[in-house]
C-alpha cells in the first residue's frame, strides 16, 4: 500500500505524523518556475530566479507549518560524506547558497528538535531515517555514486542504538529505466549484497538498475529489520506529471525537495516504547 499522500505541493508520509515527525517530498506543479511553466522548483543551484525558490520555500513552509529559517540545506556533490546537524545550523543555504557552508555533504542527521533536514533530488534516491524513541532523524542523497559508496552505511554508523529502533523510508526516485554501463556495473558487483535481481541487462554495455531496491538491501545487510523499511512505488522517471526527472528531461528541469524534522511538541506528546 502506498503511504505517501499528496498534501498541497508535497507528498506526505503519513505514518510518522503521530510520532511528531514531518517527512515529505515536493512535487513539480503549482509554482512559478519555467520547468515548464508553473513548476515548483526547489533548487537554487539551477538556472532559475532566486525569488522563485524563496516563494516556493515560503509556500511549503506554510503547508508543513515549519518556518524555512529552521531548514538546513547542504551542497550535494554525489559523495558519501555524512555530517551531524544541530539547531545552530538552521537557515544554512536557505536564503542563498554558500560554497563554504556544508559543501560536499550528501547525508545529514540530527538529534535536535524543530530542525528540518532538506536536500534536492531529480532522480536520485532520497532515503530518510528516523527513530522517534531516540529523537534521531537522518536524510541521504543516493545516486549511483552514493549507492556504490554505501552512503546509507555512513549514516547507519552514526546511530549508536539497536537497529530495531531505526526506521527507513525510501522515497520517489528513478525506476530501473535508469541505465548504467559495464564499468559502473562492475562497481555495483563489489557491494556486499547480491545486486543481480536489481539488474536488467538490455544490450551490450546497457543495464537497467533499481537504485531504490539496492539501497534497501544495503540497509537490511547492515542490520535494519526489513519490516522497518518502507520503499515507495513512486518513480520520478515514470511520473512526469508529478515529478521532475533529470535523465528523462535531459537536465532541463527542476528539482524536488526531500525534508524531515521532528517536533519538540510532538515528541513531548507521544509515548514511544
Protein backbone atom coordinates (compact mmCIF):
# COMPACT_ATOMS: atom_id res chain seq x y z
CA UNK A 1 0.00 0.00 0.00
CA UNK A 2 1.31 3.46 -0.95
CA UNK A 3 1.84 5.52 2.21
CA UNK A 4 2.80 8.83 0.59
CA UNK A 5 -0.25 11.09 0.30
CA UNK A 6 -0.48 14.34 -1.70
CA UNK A 7 -0.84 17.36 0.58
CA UNK A 8 -0.71 20.66 -1.28
CA UNK A 9 2.64 20.88 -3.06
CA UNK A 10 4.19 17.77 -1.48
CA UNK A 11 3.78 14.10 -0.75
CA UNK A 12 3.46 13.42 2.96
CA UNK A 13 4.50 10.17 4.61
CA UNK A 14 1.53 9.96 6.94
CA UNK A 15 2.66 7.07 9.16
CA UNK A 16 5.04 9.22 11.21
CA UNK A 17 2.81 12.19 11.96
CA UNK A 18 1.63 10.77 15.30
CA UNK A 19 5.28 10.46 16.32
CA UNK A 20 5.82 14.19 15.82
CA UNK A 21 7.81 13.66 12.62
CA UNK A 22 7.22 15.57 9.39
CA UNK A 23 8.52 13.67 6.37
CA UNK A 24 7.80 14.68 2.80
CA UNK A 25 8.82 15.18 -0.82
CA UNK A 26 7.70 18.05 -3.03
CA UNK A 27 6.05 17.58 -6.42
CA UNK A 28 6.54 19.56 -9.61
CA UNK A 29 3.39 21.63 -10.24
CA UNK A 30 1.81 24.74 -8.75
CA UNK A 31 4.86 27.01 -8.70
CA UNK A 32 6.24 29.96 -10.65
CA UNK A 33 9.34 28.47 -12.30
CA UNK A 34 9.67 27.62 -16.00
CA UNK A 35 10.31 23.83 -15.98
CA UNK A 36 7.94 24.05 -17.85
CA UNK A 37 5.51 26.80 -16.89
CA UNK A 38 4.26 26.90 -13.27
CA UNK A 39 6.86 24.44 -11.96
CA UNK A 40 7.54 24.12 -8.22
CA UNK A 41 11.34 24.04 -8.47
CA UNK A 42 13.13 23.93 -5.11
CA UNK A 43 16.81 24.12 -6.23
CA UNK A 44 18.78 27.37 -6.08
CA UNK A 45 21.71 25.86 -7.97
CA UNK A 46 19.98 25.66 -11.37
CA UNK A 47 19.04 28.43 -13.79
CA UNK A 48 16.06 29.89 -12.01
CA UNK A 49 15.28 33.24 -10.41
CA UNK A 50 16.22 33.20 -6.70
CA UNK A 51 12.91 34.83 -5.78
CA UNK A 52 11.06 31.87 -7.30
CA UNK A 53 12.75 29.42 -4.93
CA UNK A 54 12.14 31.73 -1.96
CA UNK A 55 8.46 31.91 -2.90
CA UNK A 56 8.26 28.12 -3.14
CA UNK A 57 10.03 27.75 0.21
CA UNK A 58 7.50 30.08 1.81
CA UNK A 59 4.59 28.13 0.31
CA UNK A 60 5.97 24.82 1.57
CA UNK A 61 6.83 26.29 4.98
CA UNK A 62 3.23 27.37 5.42
CA UNK A 63 1.92 23.98 4.30
CA UNK A 64 4.09 21.99 6.72
CA UNK A 65 3.90 24.55 9.50
CA UNK A 66 7.66 24.98 9.91
CA UNK A 67 9.46 28.26 9.10
CA UNK A 68 12.03 27.97 6.32
CA UNK A 69 14.54 29.61 8.68
CA UNK A 70 14.55 26.30 10.59
CA UNK A 71 15.62 24.40 7.46
CA UNK A 72 19.16 23.24 6.67
CA UNK A 73 20.40 22.56 3.12
CA UNK A 74 23.83 21.11 2.18
CA UNK A 75 25.73 21.49 -1.09
CA UNK A 76 25.45 17.97 -2.53
CA UNK A 77 28.25 16.54 -4.68
CA UNK A 78 27.23 12.88 -5.15
CA UNK A 79 29.69 11.78 -2.49
CA UNK A 80 29.23 9.85 0.75
CA UNK A 81 30.03 12.43 3.42
CA UNK A 82 27.56 12.42 6.32
CA UNK A 83 27.55 15.15 8.99
CA UNK A 84 25.73 15.86 12.22
CA UNK A 85 23.46 18.90 12.14
CA UNK A 86 22.45 20.93 15.20
CA UNK A 87 19.98 23.73 15.78
CA UNK A 88 22.86 26.17 15.24
CA UNK A 89 22.86 25.16 11.56
CA UNK A 90 19.27 26.26 10.96
CA UNK A 91 18.95 28.57 7.96
CA UNK A 92 22.19 27.50 6.28
CA UNK A 93 21.97 27.69 2.45
CA UNK A 94 18.27 28.54 2.61
CA UNK A 95 18.25 32.22 1.58
CA UNK A 96 21.30 31.78 -0.66
CA UNK A 97 23.95 29.15 -1.30
CA UNK A 98 27.48 29.38 0.04
CA UNK A 99 30.16 27.01 -1.24
CA UNK A 100 31.98 27.08 2.10
CA UNK A 101 28.94 26.05 4.17
CA UNK A 102 28.07 22.33 4.32
CA UNK A 103 29.82 21.80 0.98
CA UNK A 104 30.26 18.23 -0.26
CA UNK A 105 27.63 16.82 2.09
CA UNK A 106 25.18 14.15 0.86
CA UNK A 107 23.96 12.89 4.21
CA UNK A 108 22.83 14.55 7.45
CA UNK A 109 21.43 13.54 10.81
CA UNK A 110 20.36 15.35 13.94
CA UNK A 111 19.04 14.83 17.44
CA UNK A 112 17.88 18.45 17.69
CA UNK A 113 14.16 19.07 17.61
CA UNK A 114 12.46 21.50 15.22
CA UNK A 115 15.39 21.38 12.78
CA UNK A 116 14.45 20.48 9.20
CA UNK A 117 16.92 18.46 7.12
CA UNK A 118 16.43 19.16 3.40
CA UNK A 119 18.03 18.07 0.11
CA UNK A 120 17.15 18.35 -3.59
CA UNK A 121 16.51 15.45 -5.98
CA UNK A 122 15.52 14.86 -9.61
CA UNK A 123 16.02 11.05 -9.99
CA UNK A 124 18.49 10.13 -7.22
CA UNK A 125 17.15 8.31 -4.18
CA UNK A 126 16.00 10.21 -1.08
CA UNK A 127 16.45 7.95 1.94
CA UNK A 128 15.02 9.07 5.27
CA UNK A 129 15.95 7.60 8.66
CA UNK A 130 14.14 8.12 11.93
CA UNK A 131 13.93 6.81 15.47
CA UNK A 132 11.29 8.64 17.47
CA UNK A 133 12.42 6.68 20.53
CA UNK A 134 15.88 8.25 20.36
CA UNK A 135 14.87 11.58 18.78
CA UNK A 136 17.05 10.80 15.77
CA UNK A 137 16.36 11.74 12.15
CA UNK A 138 18.54 11.50 9.05
CA UNK A 139 18.46 12.06 5.30
CA UNK A 140 20.77 10.93 2.50
CA UNK A 141 21.06 11.56 -1.24
CA UNK A 142 21.94 8.36 -3.13
CA UNK A 143 22.54 8.40 -6.85
CA UNK A 144 24.59 5.60 -8.37
CA UNK A 145 27.78 7.05 -6.87
CA UNK A 146 26.31 7.42 -3.40
CA UNK A 147 24.89 3.91 -3.61
CA UNK A 148 28.21 2.38 -4.68
CA UNK A 149 29.92 4.31 -1.87
CA UNK A 150 27.31 2.93 0.55
CA UNK A 151 26.20 6.28 1.90
CA UNK A 152 23.41 4.50 3.78
CA UNK A 153 26.07 2.71 5.84
CA UNK A 154 27.80 6.03 6.58
CA UNK A 155 24.51 7.23 8.06
CA UNK A 156 23.66 3.98 9.85
CA UNK A 157 27.08 4.08 11.58
CA UNK A 158 26.03 7.29 13.30
CA UNK A 159 23.13 5.59 15.10
CA UNK A 160 24.53 4.12 18.37
CA UNK A 161 21.42 2.18 19.35
CA UNK A 162 19.66 -1.05 18.46
CA UNK A 163 18.97 -1.32 14.73
CA UNK A 164 15.45 -2.45 15.59
CA UNK A 165 14.82 1.14 16.76
CA UNK A 166 15.77 2.64 13.40
CA UNK A 167 13.25 3.06 10.57
CA UNK A 168 13.88 3.85 6.91
CA UNK A 169 11.72 5.42 4.22
CA UNK A 170 12.95 5.23 0.61
CA UNK A 171 11.26 7.99 -1.35
CA UNK A 172 10.46 8.68 -5.01
CA UNK A 173 13.39 8.11 -7.40
CA UNK A 174 14.02 6.82 -10.90
CA UNK A 175 12.82 3.36 -11.90
CA UNK A 176 15.11 0.79 -13.50
CA UNK A 177 14.73 2.84 -16.68
CA UNK A 178 17.92 4.34 -15.25
CA UNK A 179 20.77 2.72 -17.18
CA UNK A 180 24.45 2.19 -16.40
CA UNK A 181 27.35 0.81 -18.43
CA UNK A 182 29.61 -2.19 -17.83
CA UNK A 183 32.19 -0.16 -15.91
CA UNK A 184 29.65 1.15 -13.41
CA UNK A 185 28.01 -2.28 -13.17
CA UNK A 186 31.34 -3.74 -12.07
CA UNK A 187 31.36 -1.28 -9.15
CA UNK A 188 27.90 -2.42 -8.06
CA UNK A 189 29.02 -6.03 -8.15
CA UNK A 190 31.59 -5.20 -5.45
CA UNK A 191 28.85 -4.30 -2.96
CA UNK A 192 28.27 -6.72 -0.05
CA UNK A 193 24.76 -7.56 -1.34
CA UNK A 194 23.68 -9.52 -4.40
CA UNK A 195 22.62 -6.91 -6.95
CA UNK A 196 21.70 -9.46 -9.65
CA UNK A 197 17.91 -9.29 -9.02
CA UNK A 198 18.10 -5.48 -9.35
CA UNK A 199 19.90 -5.50 -12.72
CA UNK A 200 18.15 -5.72 -16.09
CA UNK A 201 20.70 -6.22 -18.88
CA UNK A 202 19.21 -4.90 -22.14
CA UNK A 203 22.12 -4.84 -24.52
CA UNK A 204 25.88 -4.69 -24.64
CA UNK A 205 27.04 -2.10 -22.11
CA UNK A 206 23.42 -1.25 -21.15
CA UNK A 207 21.97 -2.28 -17.82
CA UNK A 208 18.85 -1.01 -16.07
CA UNK A 209 19.33 -0.74 -12.32
CA UNK A 210 16.92 -0.35 -9.39
CA UNK A 211 18.70 2.01 -7.01
CA UNK A 212 15.84 2.05 -4.52
CA UNK A 213 15.95 -1.72 -4.02
CA UNK A 214 19.75 -1.87 -3.82
CA UNK A 215 19.73 0.74 -1.05
CA UNK A 216 17.00 -1.22 0.71
CA UNK A 217 19.14 -4.37 0.58
CA UNK A 218 22.13 -2.44 1.94
CA UNK A 219 20.04 -1.22 4.88
CA UNK A 220 18.98 -4.81 5.60
CA UNK A 221 22.58 -6.01 5.29
CA UNK A 222 23.69 -3.50 7.92
CA UNK A 223 21.09 -4.66 10.40
CA UNK A 224 17.89 -2.73 9.90
CA UNK A 225 14.92 -5.13 10.01
CA UNK A 226 13.12 -5.36 6.66
CA UNK A 227 9.86 -4.70 8.50
CA UNK A 228 11.29 -1.27 9.46
CA UNK A 229 11.86 -0.26 5.82
CA UNK A 230 9.24 1.31 3.58
CA UNK A 231 10.01 1.74 -0.13
CA UNK A 232 7.60 3.83 -2.19
CA UNK A 233 6.43 2.69 -5.61
CA UNK A 234 6.55 6.25 -6.96
CA UNK A 235 9.12 6.62 -9.77
CA UNK A 236 10.33 10.04 -10.92
CA UNK A 237 11.23 8.85 -14.43
CA UNK A 238 7.79 7.30 -14.95
CA UNK A 239 5.59 10.05 -13.48
CA UNK A 240 6.48 13.28 -15.25
CA UNK A 241 3.01 14.58 -14.42
CA UNK A 242 4.11 14.65 -10.76
CA UNK A 243 7.93 14.74 -10.61
CA UNK A 244 10.97 16.24 -12.32
CA UNK A 245 13.35 13.73 -13.95
CA UNK A 246 16.87 14.86 -14.78
CA UNK A 247 17.57 11.96 -17.13
CA UNK A 248 14.27 11.88 -18.98
CA UNK A 249 14.23 15.67 -19.39
CA UNK A 250 17.95 15.73 -20.26
CA UNK A 251 18.88 18.13 -17.47
CA UNK A 252 16.41 20.83 -18.50
CA UNK A 253 14.21 20.52 -15.44
CA UNK A 254 13.77 21.50 -11.81
CA UNK A 255 14.28 19.63 -8.54
CA UNK A 256 12.11 18.30 -5.77
CA UNK A 257 12.91 18.83 -2.09
CA UNK A 258 13.00 16.00 0.46
CA UNK A 259 12.59 17.08 4.08
CA UNK A 260 12.34 15.56 7.53
CA UNK A 261 12.06 17.03 11.02
CA UNK A 262 10.89 16.11 14.49
CA UNK A 263 8.76 18.48 16.51
CA UNK A 264 9.55 19.14 20.17
CA UNK A 265 5.81 19.39 20.85
CA UNK A 266 5.13 16.16 19.02
CA UNK A 267 7.90 14.36 20.89
CA UNK A 268 6.56 15.66 24.19
CA UNK A 269 3.05 14.43 23.46
CA UNK A 270 3.92 10.97 22.23
CA UNK A 271 4.63 7.82 24.19
CA UNK A 272 7.17 5.85 22.19
CA UNK A 273 8.11 2.45 23.62
